Amino acid sequence: MARELWSRLRPGQWPVPPEAFPAGSALVGGAVRDALLERRLERPDLDVVVPVEAVALCRGLARDWGGTAVVLDASRSMARLVLGDWTIDMARQEGPSLEHDLRRRDYSVNAIAVRLPPSQLSVVDPCNGLQDGQAQRLRAVSQANLMDDPLRLLRGLRLAAELSFSIETRTWRWIRMGACHLRRTAPERVLMELQRLVAAPLPASGIGLLIRSGLLRPWERRHTLAMAGRLDAAGALERGLQPVEIASALPLARLALMLSGEGLSRLKASRRLQQRCRALQRWLPSREADAWSTGLETDLAGWEDQRRLRLQRELEQDLPAWLLLAPTAMARRWMERWRDAGDPLFHPGSPLDGRSLQASLGLEPSPRLGQVLDHLTLERAFGRIREPAEALLEAQRFLDRQSGSTPAAG
């Protein structure tokens, strides 16, 4: 088993050779787990437990092999070596032995280690993680370990979604019992786990577990939360999205359905992510999604031009995410138009810029100029003007109407 795992870990591709670490070091965590499950990752994040001061070791390796040493937690002797696209996290061993260190971890499949050369190659598995991995079962090492860092509760749901694991009954009970403690965790860490969960291969199961566990309650958008679990890649493909579009649109749509505007703010999401989610939320259904989707095209047909243009402007970048909830045939038509960068409705803009209008019509920079630009954008979006000359005439007519004067006869 040890040699097979070692082969899957492909140490010859690591940016630092295993022999560069001191005797007694061991690879732990996700890389070992993924090798056990035969999940091939091009650049696995490497986590190494070392029997020495990790910060000093990391700085020494940065000098010898290049890269940057980053101190993660000086008090706990944790550091990260960044070399291009690779990261190697190092932590000083906790307790008198590697086995003691592993028993402090969250889930049994994360509590497996492979001793690095020059030590004899061996697998250390004090919590029976190998057996759980083979059974595709997520089992907590202990309730106390989960509560030491409540983020581990949420991480369990994310791992279950990523790995297609079932959660052991007792572990699930501990997760639900500890749900109220997740709010003690730094909000940035919670958001990072949620972003990984919504991008997981089986997010529907993870989102379903989130709802049942109550972990998301302080931040959830309750009336649309269940919709997030119904979005999947198959539905996105049916709606005409391509894989690269799905990779961006699905996670964003799920977050917008799961998290309230206040929740996003409290989780300290970036300003840009908050803006994108809130733009989607303004146009998301306020009732059950199926009923909203069924009546959407009829509703759109009755909208005024200004309202339709506002939707297209606000969702120009993220329209594919919104279309995940739209009727299939409509979504396919809209995706084709959205991909056409020259479509004046799906990528709205004025046919004349502000400087041209100032020069031709003698306008000054002012709210009035902005009104003219908005009007020209509207007229172009619905095909009522196409050429710059038409736009200039329409701008003059708009100004004449605004001032109440009658245009001179041609």
Protein backbone atom coordinates (compact mmCIF):
# COMPACT_ATOMS: atom_id res chain seq x y z
CA MET A 1 0.00 0.00 0.00
CA ALA A 2 2.75 2.49 0.91
CA ARG A 3 4.60 2.10 -2.38
CA GLU A 4 1.37 2.29 -4.39
CA LEU A 5 0.34 5.52 -2.64
CA TRP A 6 3.84 6.90 -3.09
CA SER A 7 3.69 6.22 -6.81
CA ARG A 8 0.34 8.00 -7.12
CA LEU A 9 1.78 11.03 -5.30
CA ARG A 10 4.42 11.41 -8.06
CA PRO A 11 7.16 12.85 -5.82
CA GLY A 12 9.44 13.29 -8.82
CA GLN A 13 7.25 16.20 -9.92
CA TRP A 14 7.34 18.05 -6.60
CA PRO A 15 9.20 21.37 -6.68
CA VAL A 16 11.18 20.31 -3.58
CA PRO A 17 12.42 16.70 -3.30
CA PRO A 18 11.14 14.70 -0.31
CA GLU A 19 14.73 14.24 0.88
CA ALA A 20 14.97 17.99 1.50
CA PHE A 21 12.75 17.62 4.58
CA PRO A 22 14.26 16.47 7.88
CA ALA A 23 14.08 12.84 8.98
CA GLY A 24 10.76 12.10 10.65
CA SER A 25 8.73 14.33 8.30
CA ALA A 26 5.47 13.02 6.84
CA LEU A 27 3.04 14.00 4.10
CA VAL A 28 -0.50 14.31 5.49
CA GLY A 29 -3.97 15.51 4.62
CA GLY A 30 -5.64 16.01 1.27
CA ALA A 31 -2.80 14.87 -0.98
CA VAL A 32 -2.62 11.49 0.78
CA ARG A 33 -6.40 11.17 0.82
CA ASP A 34 -6.68 11.96 -2.89
CA ALA A 35 -3.92 9.48 -3.72
CA LEU A 36 -5.80 6.83 -1.74
CA LEU A 37 -8.95 7.58 -3.75
CA GLU A 38 -6.98 7.71 -7.02
CA ARG A 39 -8.01 11.32 -7.63
CA ARG A 40 -5.35 12.63 -9.99
CA LEU A 41 -4.48 16.29 -9.44
CA GLU A 42 -1.85 18.03 -11.54
CA ARG A 43 -0.48 20.03 -8.62
CA PRO A 44 -1.74 18.68 -5.30
CA ASP A 45 -1.41 20.99 -2.32
CA LEU A 46 1.23 19.34 -0.16
CA ASP A 47 0.94 19.35 3.64
CA VAL A 48 3.98 18.20 5.57
CA VAL A 49 4.27 17.60 9.31
CA VAL A 50 7.86 18.14 10.46
CA PRO A 51 9.59 17.37 13.79
CA VAL A 52 11.34 20.77 13.81
CA GLU A 53 10.47 24.47 13.80
CA ALA A 54 8.43 24.80 10.58
CA VAL A 55 8.84 28.54 9.99
CA ALA A 56 12.64 28.35 10.04
CA LEU A 57 12.55 25.24 7.85
CA CYS A 58 10.28 26.94 5.33
CA ARG A 59 12.59 29.95 5.09
CA GLY A 60 15.57 27.67 4.59
CA LEU A 61 13.84 25.76 1.80
CA ALA A 62 12.88 29.04 0.14
CA ARG A 63 16.57 30.02 0.10
CA ASP A 64 17.68 26.64 -1.24
CA TRP A 65 14.95 25.95 -3.78
CA GLY A 66 13.49 29.35 -4.57
CA GLY A 67 9.96 30.51 -3.89
CA THR A 68 8.48 32.55 -1.07
CA ALA A 69 8.07 31.63 2.60
CA VAL A 70 4.78 32.79 4.13
CA VAL A 71 4.18 32.58 7.89
CA LEU A 72 0.66 31.24 8.47
CA ASP A 73 0.70 31.03 12.27
CA ALA A 74 3.94 31.77 14.10
CA SER A 75 2.56 30.66 17.48
CA ARG A 76 1.72 27.20 16.11
CA SER A 77 4.81 27.02 13.86
CA MET A 78 2.91 26.88 10.56
CA ALA A 79 4.30 28.22 7.28
CA ARG A 80 3.74 27.94 3.52
CA LEU A 81 6.28 27.67 0.73
CA VAL A 82 4.99 29.06 -2.58
CA LEU A 83 6.88 28.04 -5.71
CA GLY A 84 5.07 29.07 -8.88
CA ASP A 85 1.77 27.17 -8.96
CA TRP A 86 2.80 24.88 -6.10
CA THR A 87 2.20 25.36 -2.39
CA ILE A 88 3.74 23.30 0.40
CA ASP A 89 2.30 23.84 3.87
CA MET A 90 4.49 22.91 6.81
CA ALA A 91 3.52 22.51 10.44
CA ARG A 92 5.49 21.40 13.46
CA GLN A 93 4.30 18.06 14.77
CA GLU A 94 1.87 18.42 17.66
CA GLY A 95 2.49 16.07 20.55
CA PRO A 96 5.12 13.40 21.14
CA SER A 97 4.48 11.37 17.97
CA LEU A 98 3.06 11.51 14.47
CA GLU A 99 0.20 9.27 15.58
CA HIS A 100 -0.70 11.76 18.33
CA ASP A 101 -0.68 14.57 15.77
CA LEU A 102 -2.98 12.66 13.40
CA ARG A 103 -5.48 11.92 16.17
CA ARG A 104 -6.03 15.68 16.54
CA ARG A 105 -7.35 16.04 12.98
CA ASP A 106 -10.92 16.45 11.73
CA TYR A 107 -11.89 13.39 9.69
CA SER A 108 -10.31 9.97 9.50
CA VAL A 109 -9.57 10.24 5.76
CA ASN A 110 -7.56 13.38 6.54
CA ALA A 111 -5.68 11.64 9.35
CA ILE A 112 -3.49 9.44 7.17
CA ALA A 113 0.23 10.10 6.68
CA VAL A 114 3.03 8.81 4.50
CA ARG A 115 6.48 9.07 6.05
CA LEU A 116 8.93 10.81 3.74
CA PRO A 117 12.39 9.53 2.83
CA PRO A 118 14.97 9.08 4.24
CA SER A 119 12.66 7.38 6.77
CA GLN A 120 11.37 3.99 5.73
CA LEU A 121 8.39 4.47 3.43
CA SER A 122 5.26 3.62 5.41
CA VAL A 123 1.62 4.61 5.85
CA VAL A 124 0.53 5.80 9.30
CA ASP A 125 -3.22 5.41 9.87
CA PRO A 126 -4.15 5.50 13.58
CA CYS A 127 -7.81 6.41 12.91
CA ASN A 128 -8.64 3.78 10.27
CA GLY A 129 -8.94 6.37 7.52
CA LEU A 130 -7.91 3.86 4.85
CA GLN A 131 -10.92 1.71 5.67
CA ASP A 132 -13.27 4.70 5.66
CA GLY A 133 -11.87 5.93 2.36
CA GLN A 134 -12.41 2.56 0.71
CA ALA A 135 -15.98 2.54 2.05
CA GLN A 136 -16.52 6.15 0.82
CA ARG A 137 -17.51 7.12 4.33
CA LEU A 138 -16.78 10.42 6.08
CA ARG A 139 -16.20 9.86 9.79
CA ALA A 140 -15.03 12.43 12.31
CA VAL A 141 -12.08 11.49 14.49
CA SER A 142 -13.95 12.85 17.53
CA GLN A 143 -16.59 15.40 18.46
CA ALA A 144 -14.02 17.41 20.41
CA ASN A 145 -11.82 17.69 17.32
CA LEU A 146 -14.71 19.14 15.33
CA MET A 147 -15.47 21.70 18.01
CA ASP A 148 -11.82 22.75 18.32
CA ASP A 149 -12.40 24.50 14.98
CA PRO A 150 -16.11 24.72 14.03
CA LEU A 151 -15.18 25.30 10.38
CA ARG A 152 -14.54 21.56 10.33
CA LEU A 153 -18.32 21.07 10.53
CA LEU A 154 -18.81 22.86 7.22
CA ARG A 155 -15.72 21.25 5.75
CA GLY A 156 -17.33 17.86 6.32
CA LEU A 157 -20.26 18.76 4.08
CA ARG A 158 -17.90 20.11 1.43
CA LEU A 159 -15.78 16.95 1.53
CA ALA A 160 -18.88 14.77 1.22
CA ALA A 161 -19.91 16.75 -1.88
CA GLU A 162 -16.41 16.72 -3.38
CA LEU A 163 -15.69 13.05 -2.75
CA SER A 164 -19.20 11.60 -3.14
CA PHE A 165 -18.95 10.25 0.43
CA SER A 166 -21.76 9.41 2.82
CA ILE A 167 -21.51 10.93 6.29
CA GLU A 168 -21.41 8.47 9.17
CA THR A 169 -24.51 8.71 11.37
CA ARG A 170 -22.70 9.76 14.55
CA THR A 171 -20.63 12.33 12.64
CA TRP A 172 -23.79 13.80 11.12
CA ARG A 173 -25.30 14.10 14.59
CA TRP A 174 -22.20 15.96 15.82
CA ILE A 175 -22.34 18.33 12.84
CA ARG A 176 -25.97 19.21 13.54
CA MET A 177 -25.33 19.61 17.28
CA GLY A 178 -22.46 22.00 16.63
CA ALA A 179 -24.10 24.06 13.88
CA CYS A 180 -24.71 27.10 16.07
CA HIS A 181 -20.96 27.38 16.74
CA LEU A 182 -19.97 27.97 13.10
CA ARG A 183 -20.59 31.70 13.53
CA ARG A 184 -17.56 31.77 15.87
CA THR A 185 -15.34 31.10 12.85
CA ALA A 186 -13.68 33.90 10.88
CA PRO A 187 -16.22 34.83 8.18
CA GLU A 188 -13.64 34.75 5.40
CA ARG A 189 -12.93 31.09 6.16
CA VAL A 190 -16.64 30.23 6.08
CA LEU A 191 -17.05 31.92 2.70
CA MET A 192 -14.03 30.10 1.28
CA GLU A 193 -15.51 26.73 2.27
CA LEU A 194 -18.88 27.68 0.77
CA GLN A 195 -17.23 28.70 -2.49
CA ARG A 196 -15.50 25.34 -2.65
CA LEU A 197 -18.74 23.53 -1.85
CA VAL A 198 -20.76 25.20 -4.63
CA ALA A 199 -18.01 24.30 -7.12
CA ALA A 200 -17.86 20.65 -5.97
CA PRO A 201 -18.79 17.78 -8.34
CA LEU A 202 -21.95 16.94 -6.35
CA PRO A 203 -23.00 20.26 -4.82
CA ALA A 204 -26.68 19.32 -4.70
CA SER A 205 -25.99 16.78 -1.97
CA GLY A 206 -23.83 19.28 -0.09
CA ILE A 207 -26.45 22.02 -0.34
CA GLY A 208 -29.12 19.59 0.82
CA LEU A 209 -26.97 18.74 3.83
CA LEU A 210 -26.41 22.45 4.48
CA ILE A 211 -30.15 23.05 4.63
CA ARG A 212 -30.76 20.10 6.94
CA SER A 213 -27.81 20.84 9.22
CA GLY A 214 -28.68 24.48 9.91
CA LEU A 215 -25.03 25.49 9.40
CA LEU A 216 -25.96 28.22 6.92
CA ARG A 217 -28.77 29.73 8.98
CA PRO A 218 -26.99 32.97 10.02
CA TRP A 219 -26.31 33.91 6.39
CA GLU A 220 -28.93 32.12 4.26
CA ARG A 221 -31.39 33.52 1.72
CA ARG A 222 -34.16 31.34 3.00
CA HIS A 223 -36.83 31.58 0.30
CA THR A 224 -34.48 30.61 -2.56
CA LEU A 225 -32.04 28.34 -0.70
CA ALA A 226 -33.57 25.08 -1.92
CA MET A 227 -33.34 26.24 -5.55
CA ALA A 228 -29.54 26.23 -5.34
CA GLY A 229 -29.51 22.47 -4.88
CA ARG A 230 -31.53 21.94 -8.05
CA LEU A 231 -29.04 23.63 -10.36
CA ASP A 232 -26.66 21.22 -12.04
CA ALA A 233 -24.32 20.91 -15.02
CA ALA A 234 -26.80 18.78 -16.99
CA GLY A 235 -29.42 21.52 -16.81
CA ALA A 236 -26.83 24.11 -17.78
CA LEU A 237 -25.82 22.08 -20.85
CA GLU A 238 -29.48 21.76 -21.86
CA ARG A 239 -29.70 25.56 -21.71
CA GLY A 240 -26.82 25.95 -24.13
CA LEU A 241 -23.99 26.83 -21.76
CA GLN A 242 -20.53 25.59 -22.66
CA PRO A 243 -18.28 23.95 -20.03
CA VAL A 244 -16.18 27.07 -19.43
CA GLU A 245 -19.38 29.11 -18.97
CA ILE A 246 -20.83 26.50 -16.61
CA ALA A 247 -17.70 26.58 -14.43
CA SER A 248 -18.31 30.27 -13.76
CA ALA A 249 -22.10 30.54 -13.87
CA LEU A 250 -23.14 27.58 -11.69
CA PRO A 251 -21.18 28.47 -8.54
CA LEU A 252 -22.21 32.13 -8.80
CA ALA A 253 -25.90 31.28 -9.22
CA ARG A 254 -25.77 28.89 -6.27
CA LEU A 255 -24.18 31.51 -4.02
CA ALA A 256 -26.76 34.11 -5.06
CA LEU A 257 -29.57 31.70 -4.22
CA MET A 258 -28.02 30.54 -0.94
CA LEU A 259 -26.74 33.73 0.69
CA SER A 260 -28.68 36.87 1.51
CA GLY A 261 -27.24 40.29 0.75
CA GLU A 262 -26.66 40.83 4.46
CA GLY A 263 -25.12 37.36 4.70
CA LEU A 264 -22.64 38.13 1.94
CA SER A 265 -21.66 41.32 3.72
CA ARG A 266 -21.25 39.57 7.08
CA LEU A 267 -19.11 36.89 5.42
CA LYS A 268 -16.89 39.72 4.14
CA ALA A 269 -17.31 38.77 0.50
CA SER A 270 -15.39 41.02 -1.87
CA ARG A 271 -17.23 44.10 -3.07
CA ARG A 272 -17.28 42.67 -6.60
CA LEU A 273 -18.78 39.34 -5.50
CA GLN A 274 -21.44 41.16 -3.49
CA GLN A 275 -22.31 43.32 -6.50
CA ARG A 276 -22.60 40.32 -8.81
CA CYS A 277 -24.76 38.32 -6.39
CA ARG A 278 -27.02 41.26 -5.59
CA ALA A 279 -27.51 42.01 -9.29
CA LEU A 280 -28.66 38.41 -9.80
CA GLN A 281 -30.86 38.54 -6.71
CA ARG A 282 -32.71 41.61 -8.01
CA TRP A 283 -33.88 39.55 -10.98
CA LEU A 284 -34.30 36.16 -9.29
CA PRO A 285 -37.75 34.72 -8.55
CA SER A 286 -39.51 35.80 -5.41
CA ARG A 287 -41.76 32.74 -5.70
CA GLU A 288 -41.28 29.05 -6.45
CA ALA A 289 -38.77 28.67 -9.29
CA ASP A 290 -40.87 26.40 -11.55
CA ALA A 291 -43.81 28.80 -11.57
CA TRP A 292 -41.48 31.74 -12.18
CA SER A 293 -39.74 29.95 -15.06
CA THR A 294 -43.00 28.89 -16.70
CA GLY A 295 -44.33 32.43 -16.80
CA LEU A 296 -41.06 34.20 -17.51
CA GLU A 297 -41.35 34.64 -21.27
CA THR A 298 -44.92 35.90 -20.94
CA ASP A 299 -43.82 38.33 -18.25
CA LEU A 300 -40.92 39.59 -20.36
CA ALA A 301 -43.21 40.26 -23.31
CA GLY A 302 -45.16 42.70 -21.18
CA TRP A 303 -42.16 44.61 -19.86
CA GLU A 304 -41.46 48.18 -20.90
CA ASP A 305 -38.30 48.68 -22.94
CA GLN A 306 -36.58 50.50 -20.08
CA ARG A 307 -37.08 47.59 -17.69
CA ARG A 308 -35.82 45.02 -20.20
CA LEU A 309 -32.75 47.16 -20.92
CA ARG A 310 -32.05 47.50 -17.21
CA LEU A 311 -32.03 43.71 -16.87
CA GLN A 312 -29.62 43.36 -19.79
CA ARG A 313 -27.30 46.05 -18.45
CA GLU A 314 -27.22 44.79 -14.87
CA LEU A 315 -26.72 41.16 -15.91
CA GLU A 316 -24.53 41.71 -18.96
CA GLN A 317 -21.53 39.90 -17.45
CA ASP A 318 -23.43 37.20 -15.55
CA LEU A 319 -26.47 36.53 -17.73
CA PRO A 320 -25.59 32.79 -18.05
CA ALA A 321 -25.99 32.42 -14.28
CA TRP A 322 -29.49 33.93 -14.42
CA LEU A 323 -30.48 31.79 -17.40
CA LEU A 324 -29.88 28.62 -15.35
CA LEU A 325 -33.38 29.21 -13.92
CA ALA A 326 -34.98 30.22 -17.23
CA PRO A 327 -37.00 27.99 -19.61
CA THR A 328 -34.67 25.81 -21.66
CA ALA A 329 -35.61 27.04 -25.14
CA MET A 330 -35.47 30.68 -24.09
CA ALA A 331 -32.09 30.19 -22.41
CA ARG A 332 -30.61 28.65 -25.56
CA ARG A 333 -31.77 31.59 -27.70
CA TRP A 334 -30.50 34.12 -25.21
CA MET A 335 -27.12 32.40 -24.86
CA GLU A 336 -26.61 32.61 -28.64
CA ARG A 337 -27.34 36.33 -28.58
CA TRP A 338 -25.22 36.88 -25.47
CA ARG A 339 -22.19 35.35 -27.21
CA ASP A 340 -22.54 37.90 -30.01
CA ALA A 341 -20.49 40.82 -28.69
CA GLY A 342 -22.17 43.11 -31.24
CA ASP A 343 -25.74 42.42 -30.10
CA PRO A 344 -27.03 45.88 -29.06
CA LEU A 345 -29.53 44.54 -26.49
CA PHE A 346 -27.39 41.88 -24.85
CA HIS A 347 -24.32 44.15 -24.80
CA PRO A 348 -25.93 47.59 -24.64
CA GLY A 349 -24.10 50.83 -25.22
CA SER A 350 -24.59 54.19 -26.90
CA PRO A 351 -23.61 54.41 -30.59
CA LEU A 352 -22.02 57.80 -29.82
CA ASP A 353 -19.76 58.61 -26.89
CA GLY A 354 -19.95 61.66 -24.68
CA ARG A 355 -17.18 63.55 -26.46
CA SER A 356 -18.88 63.17 -29.85
CA LEU A 357 -22.14 64.50 -28.43
CA GLN A 358 -20.38 67.41 -26.75
CA ALA A 359 -18.62 68.36 -29.97
CA SER A 360 -21.65 67.96 -32.25
CA LEU A 361 -24.40 69.34 -30.02
CA GLY A 362 -22.50 71.75 -27.80
CA LEU A 363 -23.35 69.84 -24.62
CA GLU A 364 -21.39 70.20 -21.39
CA PRO A 365 -20.55 67.28 -19.07
CA SER A 366 -23.75 67.11 -17.00
CA PRO A 367 -26.65 64.86 -16.00
CA ARG A 368 -28.32 65.98 -19.23
CA LEU A 369 -25.50 64.45 -21.26
CA GLY A 370 -25.96 61.21 -19.31
CA GLN A 371 -29.67 61.23 -20.14
CA VAL A 372 -28.89 61.55 -23.86
CA LEU A 373 -26.44 58.64 -23.69
CA ASP A 374 -29.01 56.49 -21.87
CA HIS A 375 -31.67 57.34 -24.46
CA LEU A 376 -29.39 56.47 -27.38
CA THR A 377 -28.47 53.19 -25.68
CA LEU A 378 -32.17 52.35 -25.38
CA GLU A 379 -32.94 53.23 -28.99
CA ARG A 380 -29.99 51.23 -30.29
CA ALA A 381 -30.83 48.23 -28.08
CA PHE A 382 -34.25 47.87 -29.72
CA GLY A 383 -33.08 48.55 -33.26
CA ARG A 384 -34.59 51.98 -33.68
CA ILE A 385 -31.23 53.53 -34.57
CA ARG A 386 -28.20 51.89 -36.14
CA GLU A 387 -25.89 54.42 -37.76
CA PRO A 388 -24.04 57.31 -36.06
CA ALA A 389 -25.88 59.82 -38.25
CA GLU A 390 -29.23 58.43 -37.09
CA ALA A 391 -28.02 58.58 -33.51
CA LEU A 392 -27.06 62.24 -33.82
CA LEU A 393 -30.47 63.16 -35.22
CA GLU A 394 -32.20 61.19 -32.46
CA ALA A 395 -30.07 62.91 -29.82
CA GLN A 396 -31.15 66.30 -31.13
CA ARG A 397 -34.80 65.23 -31.20
CA PHE A 398 -34.50 63.98 -27.63
CA LEU A 399 -33.03 67.30 -26.48
CA ASP A 400 -35.76 69.21 -28.30
CA ARG A 401 -38.44 67.13 -26.60
CA GLN A 402 -36.79 67.64 -23.24
CA SER A 403 -36.69 71.40 -23.70
CA GLY A 404 -40.23 71.53 -25.10
CA SER A 405 -39.19 73.11 -28.40
CA THR A 406 -40.32 72.00 -31.84
CA PRO A 407 -37.61 70.82 -34.25
CA ALA A 408 -37.17 72.97 -37.30
CA ALA A 409 -38.64 71.51 -40.49
CA GLY A 410 -36.13 69.90 -42.80
